[in-house]
Amino acid sequence: MPRKLLFLSTVLLSLAMMPSASATKPIREVHPSQDDGIITGQCAFPVRGHIDGPEIITTFTDAAGNPVKQIVAFPGDRVTLTNTVSGTSVTVMGTGSSQLRAEPDGSLTARAMGHGPFFPNPITGARGIWYLSGQGISTLDSQGNVTSATLHGRLVDLCPRLAS
């Protein structure tokens, strides 16, 4: 059964079945900070995620204003993950970018480059908080199912480091 990528769920709704891009000016949003969140169901304990740094979202649209491509950059971000039971924390770089492109057939191509966490594992769907150093590329069909996925780099589960 193909697995869905969690980080794409909201973007899938807005980008599904969009026509090709035109030369309209992109929409740029800068978020100087991001809210903390609690990650459950990945480690044997809840994990608080805190991001220090901005998120820059650039959305490209067609002539009708429909989104067809999105680039998200995280310049110089640091991600602190904390076991809410023991207080054990791990801080990692969260610097990189991701790109989403809507294809004419309703599918999406997603690419994540740099360093940052994913949960669950973006390739296998295994539980955990997986830290990517490198590049991952996935193709999703029009229903959001992963049809191909490749990884160039490393994925490391951070749950064991947070367990103590």
N, C-alpha and C. Protein backbone atom coordinates (compact mmCIF):
# COMPACT_ATOMS: atom_id res chain seq x y z
N MET A 1 0.84 -1.17 0.00
CA MET A 1 0.00 0.00 0.00
C MET A 1 0.89 1.24 0.00
N PRO A 2 0.74 2.16 -0.94
CA PRO A 2 1.53 3.38 -0.94
C PRO A 2 1.25 4.20 0.32
N ARG A 3 2.28 4.87 0.79
CA ARG A 3 2.14 5.66 2.01
C ARG A 3 2.05 7.14 1.65
N LYS A 4 1.34 7.85 2.48
CA LYS A 4 1.19 9.29 2.27
C LYS A 4 2.26 10.03 3.05
N LEU A 5 2.76 11.09 2.52
CA LEU A 5 3.74 11.92 3.21
C LEU A 5 2.99 12.94 4.05
N LEU A 6 3.27 12.93 5.33
CA LEU A 6 2.56 13.80 6.26
C LEU A 6 2.78 15.27 5.95
N PHE A 7 4.03 15.64 5.63
CA PHE A 7 4.30 17.06 5.43
C PHE A 7 3.62 17.64 4.21
N LEU A 8 3.06 16.80 3.35
CA LEU A 8 2.42 17.29 2.14
C LEU A 8 0.90 17.38 2.25
N SER A 9 0.34 16.88 3.34
CA SER A 9 -1.12 16.71 3.38
C SER A 9 -1.89 18.00 3.10
N THR A 10 -1.50 19.11 3.70
CA THR A 10 -2.26 20.33 3.46
C THR A 10 -1.98 20.92 2.09
N VAL A 11 -0.75 20.75 1.61
CA VAL A 11 -0.40 21.30 0.30
C VAL A 11 -1.08 20.53 -0.82
N LEU A 12 -1.28 19.23 -0.62
CA LEU A 12 -1.95 18.42 -1.64
C LEU A 12 -3.31 18.99 -2.01
N LEU A 13 -4.03 19.43 -1.00
CA LEU A 13 -5.37 19.95 -1.26
C LEU A 13 -5.34 21.19 -2.15
N SER A 14 -4.33 22.05 -1.91
CA SER A 14 -4.30 23.29 -2.68
C SER A 14 -3.64 23.15 -4.05
N LEU A 15 -2.80 22.13 -4.22
CA LEU A 15 -2.08 22.00 -5.47
C LEU A 15 -2.62 20.93 -6.42
N ALA A 16 -3.54 20.12 -5.96
CA ALA A 16 -4.02 19.00 -6.77
C ALA A 16 -4.65 19.48 -8.06
N MET A 17 -4.27 18.84 -9.13
CA MET A 17 -4.86 19.05 -10.45
C MET A 17 -4.80 20.49 -10.93
N MET A 18 -3.63 21.10 -10.83
CA MET A 18 -3.46 22.48 -11.27
C MET A 18 -2.84 22.50 -12.66
N PRO A 19 -3.17 23.50 -13.47
CA PRO A 19 -2.56 23.62 -14.79
C PRO A 19 -1.11 24.10 -14.68
N SER A 20 -0.41 24.13 -15.82
CA SER A 20 1.00 24.51 -15.80
C SER A 20 1.18 25.99 -15.46
N ALA A 21 2.41 26.33 -15.05
CA ALA A 21 2.72 27.68 -14.58
C ALA A 21 2.80 28.67 -15.73
N SER A 22 2.60 29.93 -15.38
CA SER A 22 2.80 31.02 -16.34
C SER A 22 3.76 32.01 -15.71
N ALA A 23 3.94 33.13 -16.32
CA ALA A 23 4.91 34.10 -15.87
C ALA A 23 4.33 35.11 -14.87
N THR A 24 3.34 34.74 -14.09
CA THR A 24 2.81 35.65 -13.09
C THR A 24 3.80 35.78 -11.94
N LYS A 25 3.77 36.91 -11.24
CA LYS A 25 4.67 37.16 -10.13
C LYS A 25 4.33 36.21 -8.97
N PRO A 26 5.34 35.55 -8.37
CA PRO A 26 5.07 34.64 -7.27
C PRO A 26 4.65 35.38 -6.01
N ILE A 27 3.98 34.64 -5.12
CA ILE A 27 3.56 35.17 -3.83
C ILE A 27 4.63 34.76 -2.82
N ARG A 28 5.16 35.73 -2.07
CA ARG A 28 6.22 35.44 -1.10
C ARG A 28 5.72 35.78 0.30
N GLU A 29 5.80 34.80 1.19
CA GLU A 29 5.40 34.99 2.58
C GLU A 29 6.60 34.68 3.47
N VAL A 30 6.88 35.56 4.43
CA VAL A 30 7.97 35.34 5.37
C VAL A 30 7.36 35.24 6.76
N HIS A 31 7.60 34.11 7.41
CA HIS A 31 7.15 33.90 8.78
C HIS A 31 8.40 33.92 9.66
N PRO A 32 8.60 35.00 10.45
CA PRO A 32 9.84 35.11 11.23
C PRO A 32 9.99 34.04 12.31
N SER A 33 8.89 33.47 12.76
CA SER A 33 8.96 32.40 13.75
C SER A 33 7.82 31.43 13.51
N GLN A 34 7.94 30.27 14.11
CA GLN A 34 6.93 29.24 13.94
C GLN A 34 6.48 28.75 15.31
N ASP A 35 5.24 28.32 15.42
CA ASP A 35 4.70 27.84 16.68
C ASP A 35 5.30 26.49 17.06
N ASP A 36 5.42 26.27 18.38
CA ASP A 36 5.83 24.96 18.88
C ASP A 36 4.70 23.97 18.61
N GLY A 37 5.05 22.70 18.57
CA GLY A 37 4.05 21.66 18.37
C GLY A 37 4.41 20.42 19.17
N ILE A 38 3.44 19.59 19.43
CA ILE A 38 3.65 18.33 20.12
C ILE A 38 3.50 17.20 19.10
N ILE A 39 4.50 16.35 19.03
CA ILE A 39 4.52 15.21 18.11
C ILE A 39 4.17 13.97 18.92
N THR A 40 3.07 13.31 18.55
CA THR A 40 2.66 12.11 19.26
C THR A 40 2.60 10.94 18.27
N GLY A 41 2.69 9.72 18.83
CA GLY A 41 2.56 8.52 18.01
C GLY A 41 3.77 8.16 17.20
N GLN A 42 4.89 8.85 17.38
CA GLN A 42 6.11 8.54 16.62
C GLN A 42 7.16 7.90 17.52
N CYS A 43 7.41 8.48 18.68
CA CYS A 43 8.29 7.90 19.69
C CYS A 43 7.38 7.27 20.75
N ALA A 44 7.96 6.63 21.75
CA ALA A 44 7.18 6.01 22.83
C ALA A 44 6.69 7.06 23.83
N PHE A 45 6.91 8.32 23.54
CA PHE A 45 6.58 9.43 24.42
C PHE A 45 6.29 10.65 23.54
N PRO A 46 5.53 11.61 24.04
CA PRO A 46 5.29 12.84 23.25
C PRO A 46 6.58 13.67 23.17
N VAL A 47 6.73 14.37 22.05
CA VAL A 47 7.91 15.20 21.82
C VAL A 47 7.45 16.60 21.44
N ARG A 48 8.02 17.60 22.14
CA ARG A 48 7.74 19.00 21.78
C ARG A 48 8.76 19.42 20.74
N GLY A 49 8.29 20.01 19.65
CA GLY A 49 9.16 20.53 18.61
C GLY A 49 9.17 22.04 18.66
N HIS A 50 10.37 22.63 18.68
CA HIS A 50 10.52 24.08 18.69
C HIS A 50 11.50 24.46 17.58
N ILE A 51 11.13 25.43 16.76
CA ILE A 51 11.97 25.87 15.65
C ILE A 51 12.40 27.31 15.90
N ASP A 52 13.73 27.54 15.89
CA ASP A 52 14.28 28.89 15.92
C ASP A 52 14.69 29.25 14.51
N GLY A 53 14.00 30.23 13.93
CA GLY A 53 14.34 30.66 12.59
C GLY A 53 13.11 30.85 11.73
N PRO A 54 13.30 31.52 10.61
CA PRO A 54 12.18 31.86 9.74
C PRO A 54 11.80 30.75 8.78
N GLU A 55 10.62 30.91 8.21
CA GLU A 55 10.13 30.06 7.13
C GLU A 55 9.73 31.01 6.00
N ILE A 56 10.26 30.79 4.82
CA ILE A 56 9.96 31.64 3.67
C ILE A 56 9.26 30.78 2.63
N ILE A 57 8.03 31.14 2.31
CA ILE A 57 7.21 30.37 1.36
C ILE A 57 7.02 31.20 0.09
N THR A 58 7.42 30.64 -1.04
CA THR A 58 7.20 31.29 -2.33
C THR A 58 6.29 30.39 -3.15
N THR A 59 5.13 30.92 -3.52
CA THR A 59 4.14 30.15 -4.27
C THR A 59 3.99 30.75 -5.66
N PHE A 60 4.15 29.90 -6.66
CA PHE A 60 4.01 30.31 -8.06
C PHE A 60 2.61 29.89 -8.52
N THR A 61 1.96 30.75 -9.26
CA THR A 61 0.59 30.50 -9.70
C THR A 61 0.49 30.59 -11.22
N ASP A 62 -0.61 30.04 -11.74
CA ASP A 62 -0.89 30.21 -13.16
C ASP A 62 -1.63 31.54 -13.34
N ALA A 63 -2.03 31.85 -14.55
CA ALA A 63 -2.69 33.12 -14.85
C ALA A 63 -4.00 33.31 -14.08
N ALA A 64 -4.64 32.20 -13.70
CA ALA A 64 -5.90 32.28 -12.95
C ALA A 64 -5.68 32.37 -11.44
N GLY A 65 -4.40 32.34 -11.01
CA GLY A 65 -4.11 32.43 -9.59
C GLY A 65 -4.07 31.11 -8.85
N ASN A 66 -4.13 29.99 -9.58
CA ASN A 66 -4.05 28.68 -8.95
C ASN A 66 -2.60 28.32 -8.67
N PRO A 67 -2.26 27.82 -7.47
CA PRO A 67 -0.87 27.45 -7.18
C PRO A 67 -0.43 26.24 -8.01
N VAL A 68 0.78 26.33 -8.58
CA VAL A 68 1.33 25.24 -9.38
C VAL A 68 2.70 24.80 -8.90
N LYS A 69 3.38 25.62 -8.10
CA LYS A 69 4.68 25.28 -7.57
C LYS A 69 4.88 26.06 -6.28
N GLN A 70 5.54 25.40 -5.32
CA GLN A 70 5.80 26.08 -4.05
C GLN A 70 7.21 25.71 -3.60
N ILE A 71 7.95 26.74 -3.17
CA ILE A 71 9.28 26.54 -2.61
C ILE A 71 9.24 27.09 -1.19
N VAL A 72 9.67 26.26 -0.23
CA VAL A 72 9.72 26.67 1.17
C VAL A 72 11.18 26.60 1.59
N ALA A 73 11.71 27.71 2.12
CA ALA A 73 13.10 27.76 2.56
C ALA A 73 13.15 27.99 4.07
N PHE A 74 14.13 27.34 4.69
CA PHE A 74 14.37 27.46 6.12
C PHE A 74 15.83 27.87 6.32
N PRO A 75 16.15 29.16 6.14
CA PRO A 75 17.55 29.57 6.22
C PRO A 75 18.03 29.70 7.67
N GLY A 76 19.03 28.89 8.04
CA GLY A 76 19.64 29.01 9.35
C GLY A 76 18.79 28.54 10.52
N ASP A 77 17.77 27.73 10.28
CA ASP A 77 16.90 27.29 11.35
C ASP A 77 17.58 26.24 12.24
N ARG A 78 17.16 26.22 13.51
CA ARG A 78 17.56 25.19 14.46
C ARG A 78 16.29 24.59 15.04
N VAL A 79 16.26 23.26 15.13
CA VAL A 79 15.09 22.54 15.62
C VAL A 79 15.47 21.87 16.94
N THR A 80 14.70 22.17 17.99
CA THR A 80 14.92 21.52 19.28
C THR A 80 13.74 20.60 19.55
N LEU A 81 14.05 19.33 19.75
CA LEU A 81 13.05 18.31 20.06
C LEU A 81 13.25 17.91 21.51
N THR A 82 12.15 17.90 22.29
CA THR A 82 12.24 17.62 23.72
C THR A 82 11.26 16.52 24.10
N ASN A 83 11.77 15.48 24.76
CA ASN A 83 10.94 14.43 25.34
C ASN A 83 10.15 15.09 26.48
N THR A 84 8.83 15.14 26.36
CA THR A 84 8.02 15.85 27.36
C THR A 84 7.92 15.10 28.68
N VAL A 85 8.34 13.83 28.71
CA VAL A 85 8.32 13.05 29.95
C VAL A 85 9.62 13.23 30.73
N SER A 86 10.77 13.03 30.06
CA SER A 86 12.07 13.07 30.75
C SER A 86 12.75 14.43 30.68
N GLY A 87 12.37 15.26 29.70
CA GLY A 87 13.03 16.55 29.52
C GLY A 87 14.27 16.49 28.65
N THR A 88 14.65 15.31 28.18
CA THR A 88 15.81 15.16 27.31
C THR A 88 15.56 15.89 25.99
N SER A 89 16.55 16.68 25.56
CA SER A 89 16.42 17.46 24.33
C SER A 89 17.54 17.16 23.35
N VAL A 90 17.23 17.33 22.07
CA VAL A 90 18.20 17.24 20.99
C VAL A 90 17.96 18.46 20.11
N THR A 91 19.05 19.17 19.77
CA THR A 91 18.95 20.30 18.85
C THR A 91 19.72 19.97 17.59
N VAL A 92 19.06 20.15 16.44
CA VAL A 92 19.65 19.84 15.14
C VAL A 92 19.43 21.01 14.19
N MET A 93 20.20 21.05 13.12
CA MET A 93 19.99 22.06 12.09
C MET A 93 18.69 21.77 11.35
N GLY A 94 17.98 22.80 10.97
CA GLY A 94 16.78 22.65 10.17
C GLY A 94 16.88 23.49 8.92
N THR A 95 18.08 23.58 8.37
CA THR A 95 18.35 24.45 7.23
C THR A 95 18.16 23.67 5.93
N GLY A 96 17.40 24.24 5.04
CA GLY A 96 17.20 23.61 3.74
C GLY A 96 16.01 24.20 3.03
N SER A 97 15.49 23.42 2.10
CA SER A 97 14.32 23.88 1.35
C SER A 97 13.52 22.67 0.89
N SER A 98 12.29 22.94 0.54
CA SER A 98 11.45 21.92 -0.07
C SER A 98 10.77 22.54 -1.27
N GLN A 99 10.47 21.71 -2.25
CA GLN A 99 9.80 22.16 -3.46
C GLN A 99 8.67 21.21 -3.78
N LEU A 100 7.54 21.77 -4.16
CA LEU A 100 6.39 21.00 -4.63
C LEU A 100 6.02 21.50 -6.01
N ARG A 101 5.76 20.58 -6.91
CA ARG A 101 5.35 20.98 -8.26
C ARG A 101 4.15 20.15 -8.67
N ALA A 102 3.07 20.83 -9.06
CA ALA A 102 1.87 20.16 -9.56
C ALA A 102 2.09 19.81 -11.02
N GLU A 103 1.78 18.57 -11.39
CA GLU A 103 1.91 18.11 -12.76
C GLU A 103 0.55 18.15 -13.44
N PRO A 104 0.49 18.24 -14.76
CA PRO A 104 -0.78 18.34 -15.47
C PRO A 104 -1.75 17.18 -15.21
N ASP A 105 -1.22 16.00 -14.88
CA ASP A 105 -2.10 14.85 -14.63
C ASP A 105 -2.65 14.81 -13.20
N GLY A 106 -2.37 15.85 -12.40
CA GLY A 106 -2.86 15.90 -11.02
C GLY A 106 -1.88 15.34 -10.01
N SER A 107 -0.75 14.79 -10.47
CA SER A 107 0.24 14.27 -9.54
C SER A 107 1.13 15.41 -9.04
N LEU A 108 1.93 15.11 -8.03
CA LEU A 108 2.85 16.09 -7.45
C LEU A 108 4.24 15.50 -7.40
N THR A 109 5.24 16.35 -7.59
CA THR A 109 6.61 15.99 -7.31
C THR A 109 7.04 16.80 -6.11
N ALA A 110 7.58 16.12 -5.09
CA ALA A 110 8.03 16.78 -3.87
C ALA A 110 9.52 16.50 -3.67
N ARG A 111 10.26 17.53 -3.29
CA ARG A 111 11.69 17.39 -3.08
C ARG A 111 12.05 18.14 -1.79
N ALA A 112 12.77 17.48 -0.90
CA ALA A 112 13.28 18.11 0.31
C ALA A 112 14.79 18.03 0.28
N MET A 113 15.45 19.16 0.53
CA MET A 113 16.91 19.22 0.45
C MET A 113 17.45 19.89 1.70
N GLY A 114 18.56 19.38 2.20
CA GLY A 114 19.21 19.99 3.36
C GLY A 114 19.09 19.11 4.59
N HIS A 115 18.71 19.74 5.70
CA HIS A 115 18.65 19.06 6.99
C HIS A 115 17.32 19.37 7.65
N GLY A 116 16.66 18.34 8.17
CA GLY A 116 15.42 18.58 8.89
C GLY A 116 14.69 17.29 9.22
N PRO A 117 13.75 17.38 10.17
CA PRO A 117 13.03 16.19 10.62
C PRO A 117 11.78 15.89 9.79
N PHE A 118 11.47 14.61 9.71
CA PHE A 118 10.23 14.11 9.10
C PHE A 118 9.64 13.08 10.05
N PHE A 119 8.33 13.01 10.09
CA PHE A 119 7.69 11.96 10.88
C PHE A 119 6.35 11.66 10.24
N PRO A 120 6.11 10.39 9.94
CA PRO A 120 7.00 9.23 10.05
C PRO A 120 8.07 9.26 8.97
N ASN A 121 8.80 8.13 8.82
CA ASN A 121 9.83 8.02 7.79
C ASN A 121 9.21 8.31 6.42
N PRO A 122 9.74 9.27 5.66
CA PRO A 122 9.12 9.63 4.38
C PRO A 122 9.25 8.58 3.28
N ILE A 123 10.12 7.61 3.46
CA ILE A 123 10.29 6.56 2.45
C ILE A 123 9.51 5.31 2.83
N THR A 124 9.65 4.85 4.07
CA THR A 124 9.05 3.58 4.48
C THR A 124 7.75 3.73 5.27
N GLY A 125 7.51 4.93 5.84
CA GLY A 125 6.34 5.13 6.68
C GLY A 125 6.53 4.65 8.11
N ALA A 126 7.75 4.17 8.46
CA ALA A 126 8.02 3.69 9.81
C ALA A 126 7.90 4.83 10.82
N ARG A 127 7.36 4.50 12.01
CA ARG A 127 7.25 5.49 13.08
C ARG A 127 8.63 6.00 13.47
N GLY A 128 8.67 7.22 13.96
CA GLY A 128 9.90 7.82 14.43
C GLY A 128 9.96 9.27 14.01
N ILE A 129 10.95 9.96 14.54
CA ILE A 129 11.25 11.33 14.11
C ILE A 129 12.57 11.21 13.36
N TRP A 130 12.47 11.25 12.05
CA TRP A 130 13.59 10.94 11.16
C TRP A 130 14.26 12.22 10.70
N TYR A 131 15.56 12.32 10.93
CA TYR A 131 16.34 13.50 10.57
C TYR A 131 17.03 13.25 9.24
N LEU A 132 16.69 14.07 8.25
CA LEU A 132 17.26 13.96 6.90
C LEU A 132 18.48 14.87 6.77
N SER A 133 19.56 14.32 6.27
CA SER A 133 20.71 15.09 5.81
C SER A 133 20.93 14.66 4.37
N GLY A 134 20.51 15.49 3.44
CA GLY A 134 20.62 15.12 2.03
C GLY A 134 19.43 15.60 1.24
N GLN A 135 18.94 14.73 0.36
CA GLN A 135 17.83 15.09 -0.51
C GLN A 135 16.89 13.90 -0.68
N GLY A 136 15.61 14.16 -0.53
CA GLY A 136 14.60 13.15 -0.80
C GLY A 136 13.67 13.64 -1.89
N ILE A 137 13.28 12.74 -2.78
CA ILE A 137 12.38 13.10 -3.88
C ILE A 137 11.26 12.08 -3.92
N SER A 138 10.02 12.56 -3.97
CA SER A 138 8.85 11.68 -4.05
C SER A 138 7.90 12.17 -5.13
N THR A 139 7.20 11.22 -5.72
CA THR A 139 6.12 11.53 -6.65
C THR A 139 4.85 10.97 -6.04
N LEU A 140 3.80 11.78 -6.05
CA LEU A 140 2.51 11.37 -5.49
C LEU A 140 1.47 11.43 -6.58
N ASP A 141 0.57 10.45 -6.62
CA ASP A 141 -0.49 10.48 -7.61
C ASP A 141 -1.56 11.50 -7.19
N SER A 142 -2.59 11.65 -7.99
CA SER A 142 -3.60 12.68 -7.74
C SER A 142 -4.39 12.44 -6.46
N GLN A 143 -4.32 11.22 -5.87
CA GLN A 143 -5.00 10.94 -4.60
C GLN A 143 -4.05 11.10 -3.42
N GLY A 144 -2.79 11.48 -3.66
CA GLY A 144 -1.83 11.68 -2.59
C GLY A 144 -1.04 10.43 -2.21
N ASN A 145 -1.13 9.37 -2.99
CA ASN A 145 -0.38 8.15 -2.73
C ASN A 145 1.02 8.26 -3.33
N VAL A 146 2.02 7.83 -2.56
CA VAL A 146 3.40 7.86 -3.04
C VAL A 146 3.57 6.78 -4.11
N THR A 147 4.00 7.20 -5.31
CA THR A 147 4.23 6.25 -6.40
C THR A 147 5.72 5.98 -6.60
N SER A 148 6.58 6.89 -6.16
CA SER A 148 8.01 6.65 -6.18
C SER A 148 8.66 7.54 -5.12
N ALA A 149 9.77 7.05 -4.58
CA ALA A 149 10.51 7.81 -3.58
C ALA A 149 11.97 7.39 -3.62
N THR A 150 12.86 8.37 -3.59
CA THR A 150 14.29 8.10 -3.55
C THR A 150 14.94 9.00 -2.51
N LEU A 151 16.04 8.53 -1.98
CA LEU A 151 16.77 9.28 -0.97
C LEU A 151 18.24 9.28 -1.32
N HIS A 152 18.84 10.45 -1.27
CA HIS A 152 20.27 10.61 -1.46
C HIS A 152 20.77 11.29 -0.19
N GLY A 153 21.36 10.53 0.70
CA GLY A 153 21.81 11.07 1.97
C GLY A 153 21.49 10.11 3.09
N ARG A 154 21.19 10.65 4.28
CA ARG A 154 20.94 9.82 5.45
C ARG A 154 19.64 10.21 6.13
N LEU A 155 18.96 9.20 6.66
CA LEU A 155 17.81 9.39 7.54
C LEU A 155 18.15 8.69 8.86
N VAL A 156 18.09 9.43 9.97
CA VAL A 156 18.42 8.87 11.28
C VAL A 156 17.22 9.12 12.20
N ASP A 157 16.78 8.06 12.89
CA ASP A 157 15.67 8.18 13.84
C ASP A 157 16.19 8.82 15.13
N LEU A 158 15.62 9.95 15.53
CA LEU A 158 16.05 10.66 16.73
C LEU A 158 15.36 10.17 18.00
N CYS A 159 14.35 9.32 17.91
CA CYS A 159 13.64 8.84 19.10
C CYS A 159 14.58 8.16 20.09
N PRO A 160 15.51 7.30 19.66
CA PRO A 160 16.41 6.69 20.63
C PRO A 160 17.25 7.71 21.41
N ARG A 161 17.68 8.78 20.76
CA ARG A 161 18.46 9.82 21.45
C ARG A 161 17.61 10.59 22.46
N LEU A 162 16.31 10.66 22.22
CA LEU A 162 15.41 11.38 23.13
C LEU A 162 14.89 10.50 24.26
N ALA A 163 15.13 9.18 24.18
CA ALA A 163 14.54 8.24 25.13
C ALA A 163 15.14 8.33 26.53
N SER A 164 16.36 8.81 26.67
CA SER A 164 16.99 8.80 28.01
C SER A 164 16.56 9.97 28.87
